[in-house]
């Protein structure tokens, strides 16, 4: 809801450059019928294939065929549940993050609808649309570093951790403003999850933080600062010297560094 209000006040259009880059990272052969059906699912999910066929111009055989192809590419996923008072199961379908990104790449529906769905799936409803879009702009660079990173986009916490873990490489692949926005969004997101989930483990290390800082502490005791606002230096994406007199070291020890020593 917050995103939709933001979009209503400040319409945001995804530019053609981002759409083209999304097409390049999502290797899917599409045709008009697949785009039509994907668009319908985006707007009406979760939905059965029978309902799709009934409400569109496509025969049920075509819908089943295209749905099978979309599942193969990871664009949609099924959910099966028991029907009450009936000895049978019912299967409904919804889009994945990959499916939404493909829809965005081909503009199969209004951008606002897709961004709203992305906010829901990535648990970013409280974020403004600009922050969501900046995260989308990071994806091509993240996949340029390692194409296997594509599998993490369905899980928002894993995606944000991947952005932080690849901070130095990302810095070389994008402008400084976009880089800082991506790091700030990832750290803000993970800090909010820290309060809900406790400590988050990443790459044989521990992610620690609060609203003032987020750091990654390795098992060897090395500290990497993703973001720190404890002093006027406002450090971002840099290493912390263990022998320094930085206030951050004292804060780290308070919330769990001692468990690694």
C-alpha atoms as a PDB file:
ATOM      1  CA  UNK A   1       0.000   0.000   0.000  1.00  0.00           C
ATOM      2  CA  UNK A   2       2.812   2.411   0.870  1.00  0.00           C
ATOM      3  CA  UNK A   3       4.453   1.729  -2.483  1.00  0.00           C
ATOM      4  CA  UNK A   4       1.241   2.320  -4.406  1.00  0.00           C
ATOM      5  CA  UNK A   5       0.724   5.672  -2.656  1.00  0.00           C
ATOM      6  CA  UNK A   6       4.297   6.637  -3.523  1.00  0.00           C
ATOM      7  CA  UNK A   7       3.807   5.691  -7.148  1.00  0.00           C
ATOM      8  CA  UNK A   8       0.568   7.647  -7.331  1.00  0.00           C
ATOM      9  CA  UNK A   9       2.314  10.787  -6.092  1.00  0.00           C
ATOM     10  CA  UNK A  10       5.565  10.252  -8.019  1.00  0.00           C
ATOM     11  CA  UNK A  11       5.020   8.062 -11.095  1.00  0.00           C
ATOM     12  CA  UNK A  12       8.117   6.037 -11.882  1.00  0.00           C
ATOM     13  CA  UNK A  13       8.782   4.514 -15.252  1.00  0.00           C
ATOM     14  CA  UNK A  14      11.311   1.756 -15.698  1.00  0.00           C
ATOM     15  CA  UNK A  15      13.611   2.912 -18.471  1.00  0.00           C
ATOM     16  CA  UNK A  16      14.294   0.888 -21.608  1.00  0.00           C
ATOM     17  CA  UNK A  17      17.915   0.318 -20.613  1.00  0.00           C
ATOM     18  CA  UNK A  18      16.879  -1.591 -17.487  1.00  0.00           C
ATOM     19  CA  UNK A  19      14.271  -3.566 -19.418  1.00  0.00           C
ATOM     20  CA  UNK A  20      16.910  -4.643 -21.942  1.00  0.00           C
ATOM     21  CA  UNK A  21      19.343  -5.651 -19.199  1.00  0.00           C
ATOM     22  CA  UNK A  22      16.624  -7.699 -17.475  1.00  0.00           C
ATOM     23  CA  UNK A  23      15.925  -9.526 -20.748  1.00  0.00           C
ATOM     24  CA  UNK A  24      19.598 -10.382 -21.027  1.00  0.00           C
ATOM     25  CA  UNK A  25      19.870 -11.876 -17.540  1.00  0.00           C
ATOM     26  CA  UNK A  26      16.625 -13.867 -17.761  1.00  0.00           C
ATOM     27  CA  UNK A  27      17.244 -16.313 -20.581  1.00  0.00           C
ATOM     28  CA  UNK A  28      13.710 -17.239 -21.609  1.00  0.00           C
ATOM     29  CA  UNK A  29      12.237 -17.707 -25.077  1.00  0.00           C
ATOM     30  CA  UNK A  30       8.900 -15.902 -25.056  1.00  0.00           C
ATOM     31  CA  UNK A  31       6.034 -15.367 -27.473  1.00  0.00           C
ATOM     32  CA  UNK A  32       2.909 -13.221 -27.379  1.00  0.00           C
ATOM     33  CA  UNK A  33       0.743 -15.900 -25.793  1.00  0.00           C
ATOM     34  CA  UNK A  34       3.203 -16.507 -22.955  1.00  0.00           C
ATOM     35  CA  UNK A  35       3.447 -12.781 -22.249  1.00  0.00           C
ATOM     36  CA  UNK A  36      -0.359 -12.483 -22.271  1.00  0.00           C
ATOM     37  CA  UNK A  37      -0.797 -15.365 -19.862  1.00  0.00           C
ATOM     38  CA  UNK A  38       2.000 -14.179 -17.570  1.00  0.00           C
ATOM     39  CA  UNK A  39       0.379 -10.747 -17.468  1.00  0.00           C
ATOM     40  CA  UNK A  40      -2.963 -12.260 -16.513  1.00  0.00           C
ATOM     41  CA  UNK A  41      -1.378 -14.259 -13.696  1.00  0.00           C
ATOM     42  CA  UNK A  42       0.423 -11.160 -12.390  1.00  0.00           C
ATOM     43  CA  UNK A  43      -2.860  -9.279 -12.160  1.00  0.00           C
ATOM     44  CA  UNK A  44      -5.005 -12.096 -10.758  1.00  0.00           C
ATOM     45  CA  UNK A  45      -2.705 -14.404  -8.787  1.00  0.00           C
ATOM     46  CA  UNK A  46      -3.138 -16.854  -7.227  1.00  0.00           C
ATOM     47  CA  UNK A  47      -5.318 -18.434  -9.883  1.00  0.00           C
ATOM     48  CA  UNK A  48      -6.142 -21.806 -11.424  1.00  0.00           C
ATOM     49  CA  UNK A  49      -5.340 -22.677 -15.011  1.00  0.00           C
ATOM     50  CA  UNK A  50      -9.020 -23.379 -15.614  1.00  0.00           C
ATOM     51  CA  UNK A  51      -9.925 -19.845 -14.511  1.00  0.00           C
ATOM     52  CA  UNK A  52      -7.222 -18.406 -16.766  1.00  0.00           C
ATOM     53  CA  UNK A  53      -8.617 -20.275 -19.758  1.00  0.00           C
ATOM     54  CA  UNK A  54     -12.194 -19.281 -18.928  1.00  0.00           C
ATOM     55  CA  UNK A  55     -11.342 -15.576 -18.677  1.00  0.00           C
ATOM     56  CA  UNK A  56      -8.938 -15.295 -21.620  1.00  0.00           C
ATOM     57  CA  UNK A  57      -9.020 -16.176 -25.307  1.00  0.00           C
ATOM     58  CA  UNK A  58      -6.732 -19.192 -24.829  1.00  0.00           C
ATOM     59  CA  UNK A  59      -7.903 -22.808 -24.871  1.00  0.00           C
ATOM     60  CA  UNK A  60      -7.194 -24.876 -21.785  1.00  0.00           C
ATOM     61  CA  UNK A  61      -4.680 -26.996 -23.754  1.00  0.00           C
ATOM     62  CA  UNK A  62      -2.708 -23.856 -24.640  1.00  0.00           C
ATOM     63  CA  UNK A  63      -2.839 -22.610 -21.072  1.00  0.00           C
ATOM     64  CA  UNK A  64      -1.512 -25.942 -19.753  1.00  0.00           C
ATOM     65  CA  UNK A  65       1.254 -26.003 -22.359  1.00  0.00           C
ATOM     66  CA  UNK A  66       2.393 -22.442 -21.626  1.00  0.00           C
ATOM     67  CA  UNK A  67       2.090 -22.947 -17.866  1.00  0.00           C
ATOM     68  CA  UNK A  68       4.354 -25.988 -18.107  1.00  0.00           C
ATOM     69  CA  UNK A  69       6.926 -23.916 -19.998  1.00  0.00           C
ATOM     70  CA  UNK A  70       6.688 -21.037 -17.513  1.00  0.00           C
ATOM     71  CA  UNK A  71       7.233 -23.449 -14.613  1.00  0.00           C
ATOM     72  CA  UNK A  72      10.253 -24.897 -16.405  1.00  0.00           C
ATOM     73  CA  UNK A  73      11.784 -21.425 -16.620  1.00  0.00           C
ATOM     74  CA  UNK A  74      10.840 -20.621 -13.028  1.00  0.00           C
ATOM     75  CA  UNK A  75       8.390 -17.843 -13.946  1.00  0.00           C
ATOM     76  CA  UNK A  76       5.433 -19.270 -12.021  1.00  0.00           C
ATOM     77  CA  UNK A  77       5.004 -21.867  -9.299  1.00  0.00           C
ATOM     78  CA  UNK A  78       2.081 -24.091  -8.275  1.00  0.00           C
ATOM     79  CA  UNK A  79       0.496 -24.501  -4.853  1.00  0.00           C
ATOM     80  CA  UNK A  80      -1.725 -27.495  -4.153  1.00  0.00           C
ATOM     81  CA  UNK A  81      -4.284 -27.683  -1.367  1.00  0.00           C
ATOM     82  CA  UNK A  82      -7.203 -29.906  -0.365  1.00  0.00           C
ATOM     83  CA  UNK A  83     -10.682 -28.715  -1.295  1.00  0.00           C
ATOM     84  CA  UNK A  84     -13.102 -28.733   1.645  1.00  0.00           C
ATOM     85  CA  UNK A  85     -16.024 -31.179   1.442  1.00  0.00           C
ATOM     86  CA  UNK A  86     -14.476 -32.706  -1.636  1.00  0.00           C
ATOM     87  CA  UNK A  87     -12.112 -35.637  -1.991  1.00  0.00           C
ATOM     88  CA  UNK A  88      -9.689 -33.903  -4.365  1.00  0.00           C
ATOM     89  CA  UNK A  89      -6.910 -31.388  -4.547  1.00  0.00           C
ATOM     90  CA  UNK A  90      -6.846 -27.981  -6.252  1.00  0.00           C
ATOM     91  CA  UNK A  91      -3.780 -26.333  -7.764  1.00  0.00           C
ATOM     92  CA  UNK A  92      -3.349 -22.585  -8.021  1.00  0.00           C
ATOM     93  CA  UNK A  93      -0.485 -20.683  -9.608  1.00  0.00           C
ATOM     94  CA  UNK A  94       1.392 -17.505  -8.789  1.00  0.00           C
ATOM     95  CA  UNK A  95       4.371 -15.662 -10.210  1.00  0.00           C
ATOM     96  CA  UNK A  96       7.912 -15.899  -8.908  1.00  0.00           C
ATOM     97  CA  UNK A  97      10.300 -12.953  -8.637  1.00  0.00           C
ATOM     98  CA  UNK A  98      11.871 -14.139 -11.893  1.00  0.00           C
ATOM     99  CA  UNK A  99       8.450 -14.087 -13.531  1.00  0.00           C
ATOM    100  CA  UNK A 100       7.800 -10.555 -12.308  1.00  0.00           C
ATOM    101  CA  UNK A 101      11.167  -9.374 -13.593  1.00  0.00           C
ATOM    102  CA  UNK A 102      10.431 -10.886 -16.996  1.00  0.00           C
ATOM    103  CA  UNK A 103       7.068  -9.142 -16.993  1.00  0.00           C
ATOM    104  CA  UNK A 104       8.829  -5.895 -16.156  1.00  0.00           C
ATOM    105  CA  UNK A 105      11.373  -6.500 -18.928  1.00  0.00           C
ATOM    106  CA  UNK A 106       8.618  -6.867 -21.552  1.00  0.00           C
ATOM    107  CA  UNK A 107       6.194  -4.425 -19.885  1.00  0.00           C
ATOM    108  CA  UNK A 108       3.437  -6.997 -19.980  1.00  0.00           C
ATOM    109  CA  UNK A 109       1.404  -4.931 -17.464  1.00  0.00           C
ATOM    110  CA  UNK A 110       1.767  -1.484 -15.886  1.00  0.00           C
ATOM    111  CA  UNK A 111       5.036  -1.087 -13.998  1.00  0.00           C
ATOM    112  CA  UNK A 112       3.139  -0.091 -10.851  1.00  0.00           C
ATOM    113  CA  UNK A 113       1.436  -3.478 -10.638  1.00  0.00           C
ATOM    114  CA  UNK A 114       4.712  -5.368 -11.034  1.00  0.00           C
ATOM    115  CA  UNK A 115       6.586  -3.200  -8.526  1.00  0.00           C
ATOM    116  CA  UNK A 116       3.791  -3.668  -6.022  1.00  0.00           C
ATOM    117  CA  UNK A 117       4.026  -7.463  -6.396  1.00  0.00           C
ATOM    118  CA  UNK A 118       7.812  -7.305  -6.059  1.00  0.00           C
ATOM    119  CA  UNK A 119       7.486  -5.296  -2.856  1.00  0.00           C
ATOM    120  CA  UNK A 120       5.213  -7.997  -1.464  1.00  0.00           C
ATOM    121  CA  UNK A 121       7.443 -10.929  -2.462  1.00  0.00           C
ATOM    122  CA  UNK A 122      10.632  -9.211  -1.295  1.00  0.00           C
ATOM    123  CA  UNK A 123       8.987  -8.035   1.940  1.00  0.00           C
ATOM    124  CA  UNK A 124       9.786  -4.419   1.107  1.00  0.00           C
ATOM    125  CA  UNK A 125       6.346  -2.855   1.508  1.00  0.00           C
ATOM    126  CA  UNK A 126       7.670  -0.093   3.746  1.00  0.00           C
ATOM    127  CA  UNK A 127      10.278   0.960   1.155  1.00  0.00           C
ATOM    128  CA  UNK A 128       9.793   3.722  -1.386  1.00  0.00           C
ATOM    129  CA  UNK A 129       9.647   2.794  -5.059  1.00  0.00           C
ATOM    130  CA  UNK A 130      12.980   4.482  -5.745  1.00  0.00           C
ATOM    131  CA  UNK A 131      14.792   2.127  -3.365  1.00  0.00           C
ATOM    132  CA  UNK A 132      13.145  -0.863  -4.971  1.00  0.00           C
ATOM    133  CA  UNK A 133      14.174   0.331  -8.417  1.00  0.00           C
ATOM    134  CA  UNK A 134      17.765   0.910  -7.290  1.00  0.00           C
ATOM    135  CA  UNK A 135      17.851  -2.713  -6.127  1.00  0.00           C
ATOM    136  CA  UNK A 136      16.659  -3.801  -9.576  1.00  0.00           C
ATOM    137  CA  UNK A 137      19.458  -1.823 -11.216  1.00  0.00           C
ATOM    138  CA  UNK A 138      21.986  -3.739  -9.102  1.00  0.00           C
ATOM    139  CA  UNK A 139      20.828  -7.172 -10.290  1.00  0.00           C
ATOM    140  CA  UNK A 140      22.603  -7.156 -13.703  1.00  0.00           C
ATOM    141  CA  UNK A 141      25.896  -6.179 -12.052  1.00  0.00           C
ATOM    142  CA  UNK A 142      25.430  -8.850  -9.377  1.00  0.00           C
ATOM    143  CA  UNK A 143      24.876 -11.492 -12.038  1.00  0.00           C
ATOM    144  CA  UNK A 144      27.867 -10.239 -14.002  1.00  0.00           C
ATOM    145  CA  UNK A 145      29.978 -11.122 -10.963  1.00  0.00           C
ATOM    146  CA  UNK A 146      28.502 -14.624 -10.757  1.00  0.00           C
ATOM    147  CA  UNK A 147      25.613 -15.920 -12.879  1.00  0.00           C
ATOM    148  CA  UNK A 148      24.789 -18.385 -10.091  1.00  0.00           C
ATOM    149  CA  UNK A 149      23.558 -15.404  -8.058  1.00  0.00           C
ATOM    150  CA  UNK A 150      20.334 -15.636 -10.077  1.00  0.00           C
ATOM    151  CA  UNK A 151      19.057 -18.285  -7.708  1.00  0.00           C
ATOM    152  CA  UNK A 152      19.091 -15.946  -4.714  1.00  0.00           C
ATOM    153  CA  UNK A 153      16.685 -13.361  -6.112  1.00  0.00           C
ATOM    154  CA  UNK A 154      13.661 -15.304  -4.856  1.00  0.00           C
ATOM    155  CA  UNK A 155      14.833 -14.918  -1.249  1.00  0.00           C
ATOM    156  CA  UNK A 156      15.167 -11.254  -0.242  1.00  0.00           C
ATOM    157  CA  UNK A 157      17.482 -11.788   2.735  1.00  0.00           C
ATOM    158  CA  UNK A 158      19.834 -13.904   0.638  1.00  0.00           C
ATOM    159  CA  UNK A 159      19.772 -11.243  -2.075  1.00  0.00           C
ATOM    160  CA  UNK A 160      20.660  -8.445   0.353  1.00  0.00           C
ATOM    161  CA  UNK A 161      23.449 -10.518   1.906  1.00  0.00           C
ATOM    162  CA  UNK A 162      24.782 -11.237  -1.603  1.00  0.00           C
ATOM    163  CA  UNK A 163      24.857  -7.510  -2.346  1.00  0.00           C
ATOM    164  CA  UNK A 164      26.870  -6.879   0.823  1.00  0.00           C
ATOM    165  CA  UNK A 165      29.196  -9.828   0.291  1.00  0.00           C
ATOM    166  CA  UNK A 166      30.032  -8.516  -3.193  1.00  0.00           C
ATOM    167  CA  UNK A 167      30.288  -4.850  -2.183  1.00  0.00           C
ATOM    168  CA  UNK A 168      33.828  -4.267  -3.427  1.00  0.00           C
ATOM    169  CA  UNK A 169      33.183  -5.890  -6.805  1.00  0.00           C
ATOM    170  CA  UNK A 170      29.896  -4.019  -7.232  1.00  0.00           C
ATOM    171  CA  UNK A 171      31.637  -0.721  -6.527  1.00  0.00           C
ATOM    172  CA  UNK A 172      33.770  -1.240  -9.624  1.00  0.00           C
ATOM    173  CA  UNK A 173      30.769  -2.022 -11.827  1.00  0.00           C
ATOM    174  CA  UNK A 174      28.475   0.924 -11.090  1.00  0.00           C
ATOM    175  CA  UNK A 175      28.538   4.603 -10.274  1.00  0.00           C
ATOM    176  CA  UNK A 176      29.152   5.661  -6.674  1.00  0.00           C
ATOM    177  CA  UNK A 177      25.659   7.014  -6.036  1.00  0.00           C
ATOM    178  CA  UNK A 178      23.967   3.798  -7.128  1.00  0.00           C
ATOM    179  CA  UNK A 179      26.493   1.738  -5.207  1.00  0.00           C
ATOM    180  CA  UNK A 180      25.888   3.644  -1.964  1.00  0.00           C
ATOM    181  CA  UNK A 181      22.134   3.441  -2.395  1.00  0.00           C
ATOM    182  CA  UNK A 182      22.356  -0.323  -2.935  1.00  0.00           C
ATOM    183  CA  UNK A 183      24.513  -0.792   0.169  1.00  0.00           C
ATOM    184  CA  UNK A 184      22.242   1.434   2.250  1.00  0.00           C
ATOM    185  CA  UNK A 185      19.134  -0.439   1.121  1.00  0.00           C
ATOM    186  CA  UNK A 186      20.703  -3.842   1.812  1.00  0.00           C
ATOM    187  CA  UNK A 187      21.971  -2.835   5.243  1.00  0.00           C
ATOM    188  CA  UNK A 188      18.684  -1.189   6.202  1.00  0.00           C
ATOM    189  CA  UNK A 189      16.784  -4.298   5.129  1.00  0.00           C
ATOM    190  CA  UNK A 190      19.043  -6.691   7.026  1.00  0.00           C
ATOM    191  CA  UNK A 191      19.042  -4.533  10.148  1.00  0.00           C
ATOM    192  CA  UNK A 192      15.257  -4.752  10.192  1.00  0.00           C
ATOM    193  CA  UNK A 193      15.574  -8.548   9.899  1.00  0.00           C
ATOM    194  CA  UNK A 194      18.172  -8.633  12.680  1.00  0.00           C
ATOM    195  CA  UNK A 195      15.561  -7.307  15.092  1.00  0.00           C
ATOM    196  CA  UNK A 196      13.130 -10.014  13.967  1.00  0.00           C
ATOM    197  CA  UNK A 197      15.422 -12.972  13.340  1.00  0.00           C
ATOM    198  CA  UNK A 198      18.482 -12.335  15.502  1.00  0.00           C
ATOM    199  CA  UNK A 199      21.973 -12.656  14.088  1.00  0.00           C
ATOM    200  CA  UNK A 200      22.382 -13.559  10.411  1.00  0.00           C
ATOM    201  CA  UNK A 201      25.223 -15.852   9.386  1.00  0.00           C
ATOM    202  CA  UNK A 202      26.927 -15.128   6.048  1.00  0.00           C
ATOM    203  CA  UNK A 203      29.917 -16.852   4.441  1.00  0.00           C
ATOM    204  CA  UNK A 204      31.372 -18.416   7.630  1.00  0.00           C
ATOM    205  CA  UNK A 205      30.954 -15.103   9.391  1.00  0.00           C
ATOM    206  CA  UNK A 206      28.452 -13.162  11.414  1.00  0.00           C
ATOM    207  CA  UNK A 207      26.424 -10.158  10.341  1.00  0.00           C
ATOM    208  CA  UNK A 208      25.930  -7.818  13.289  1.00  0.00           C
ATOM    209  CA  UNK A 209      24.249  -4.485  13.489  1.00  0.00           C
ATOM    210  CA  UNK A 210      21.534  -2.100  14.542  1.00  0.00           C
ATOM    211  CA  UNK A 211      20.132   1.148  13.229  1.00  0.00           C
ATOM    212  CA  UNK A 212      23.572   2.795  13.568  1.00  0.00           C
ATOM    213  CA  UNK A 213      25.863   0.236  11.932  1.00  0.00           C
ATOM    214  CA  UNK A 214      26.097  -3.086  10.104  1.00  0.00           C
ATOM    215  CA  UNK A 215      29.328  -5.097  10.008  1.00  0.00           C
ATOM    216  CA  UNK A 216      30.477  -8.511   8.894  1.00  0.00           C
ATOM    217  CA  UNK A 217      32.782 -10.262  11.402  1.00  0.00           C
ATOM    218  CA  UNK A 218      34.752 -13.240  10.120  1.00  0.00           C
ATOM    219  CA  UNK A 219      35.699 -16.211  12.270  1.00  0.00           C
ATOM    220  CA  UNK A 220      39.257 -14.859  12.216  1.00  0.00           C
ATOM    221  CA  UNK A 221      38.072 -11.622  13.787  1.00  0.00           C
ATOM    222  CA  UNK A 222      38.336  -9.441  10.682  1.00  0.00           C
ATOM    223  CA  UNK A 223      35.710  -6.713  10.545  1.00  0.00           C
ATOM    224  CA  UNK A 224      34.201  -5.325   7.368  1.00  0.00           C
ATOM    225  CA  UNK A 225      31.996  -2.245   7.686  1.00  0.00           C
ATOM    226  CA  UNK A 226      28.986  -2.109   5.401  1.00  0.00           C
ATOM    227  CA  UNK A 227      27.619   1.015   7.029  1.00  0.00           C
ATOM    228  CA  UNK A 228      28.410   2.968  10.202  1.00  0.00           C
ATOM    229  CA  UNK A 229      26.882   6.202  11.488  1.00  0.00           C
ATOM    230  CA  UNK A 230      28.446   6.239  14.965  1.00  0.00           C
ATOM    231  CA  UNK A 231      30.644   9.228  14.159  1.00  0.00           C
ATOM    232  CA  UNK A 232      31.073  11.978  11.602  1.00  0.00           C
ATOM    233  CA  UNK A 233      33.142   9.755   9.264  1.00  0.00           C
ATOM    234  CA  UNK A 234      30.010   7.881   8.127  1.00  0.00           C
ATOM    235  CA  UNK A 235      32.038   4.842   6.943  1.00  0.00           C
ATOM    236  CA  UNK A 236      30.739   2.662   4.104  1.00  0.00           C
ATOM    237  CA  UNK A 237      32.195  -0.510   2.545  1.00  0.00           C
ATOM    238  CA  UNK A 238      35.586  -0.523   4.227  1.00  0.00           C
ATOM    239  CA  UNK A 239      37.698  -2.670   6.553  1.00  0.00           C
ATOM    240  CA  UNK A 240      38.150  -1.866  10.229  1.00  0.00           C
ATOM    241  CA  UNK A 241      41.606  -2.111  11.785  1.00  0.00           C
ATOM    242  CA  UNK A 242      41.434  -4.283  14.902  1.00  0.00           C
ATOM    243  CA  UNK A 243      44.014  -2.133  16.701  1.00  0.00           C
ATOM    244  CA  UNK A 244      42.109   1.094  16.068  1.00  0.00           C
ATOM    245  CA  UNK A 245      40.418   3.153  18.769  1.00  0.00           C
ATOM    246  CA  UNK A 246      37.176   3.271  16.798  1.00  0.00           C
ATOM    247  CA  UNK A 247      33.973   3.442  18.826  1.00  0.00           C
ATOM    248  CA  UNK A 248      32.543   0.772  16.564  1.00  0.00           C
ATOM    249  CA  UNK A 249      34.797  -1.896  18.110  1.00  0.00           C
ATOM    250  CA  UNK A 250      33.259  -1.328  21.527  1.00  0.00           C
ATOM    251  CA  UNK A 251      29.755  -1.564  20.063  1.00  0.00           C
ATOM    252  CA  UNK A 252      30.573  -4.813  18.257  1.00  0.00           C
ATOM    253  CA  UNK A 253      31.823  -6.401  21.461  1.00  0.00           C
ATOM    254  CA  UNK A 254      28.597  -5.457  23.213  1.00  0.00           C
ATOM    255  CA  UNK A 255      26.388  -7.379  20.785  1.00  0.00           C
ATOM    256  CA  UNK A 256      28.302 -10.555  20.133  1.00  0.00           C
ATOM    257  CA  UNK A 257      31.884 -10.325  18.856  1.00  0.00           C
ATOM    258  CA  UNK A 258      33.048 -12.140  21.996  1.00  0.00           C
ATOM    259  CA  UNK A 259      31.264 -15.258  20.727  1.00  0.00           C
ATOM    260  CA  UNK A 260      33.748 -15.428  17.853  1.00  0.00           C
ATOM    261  CA  UNK A 261      36.912 -15.033  19.905  1.00  0.00           C
END
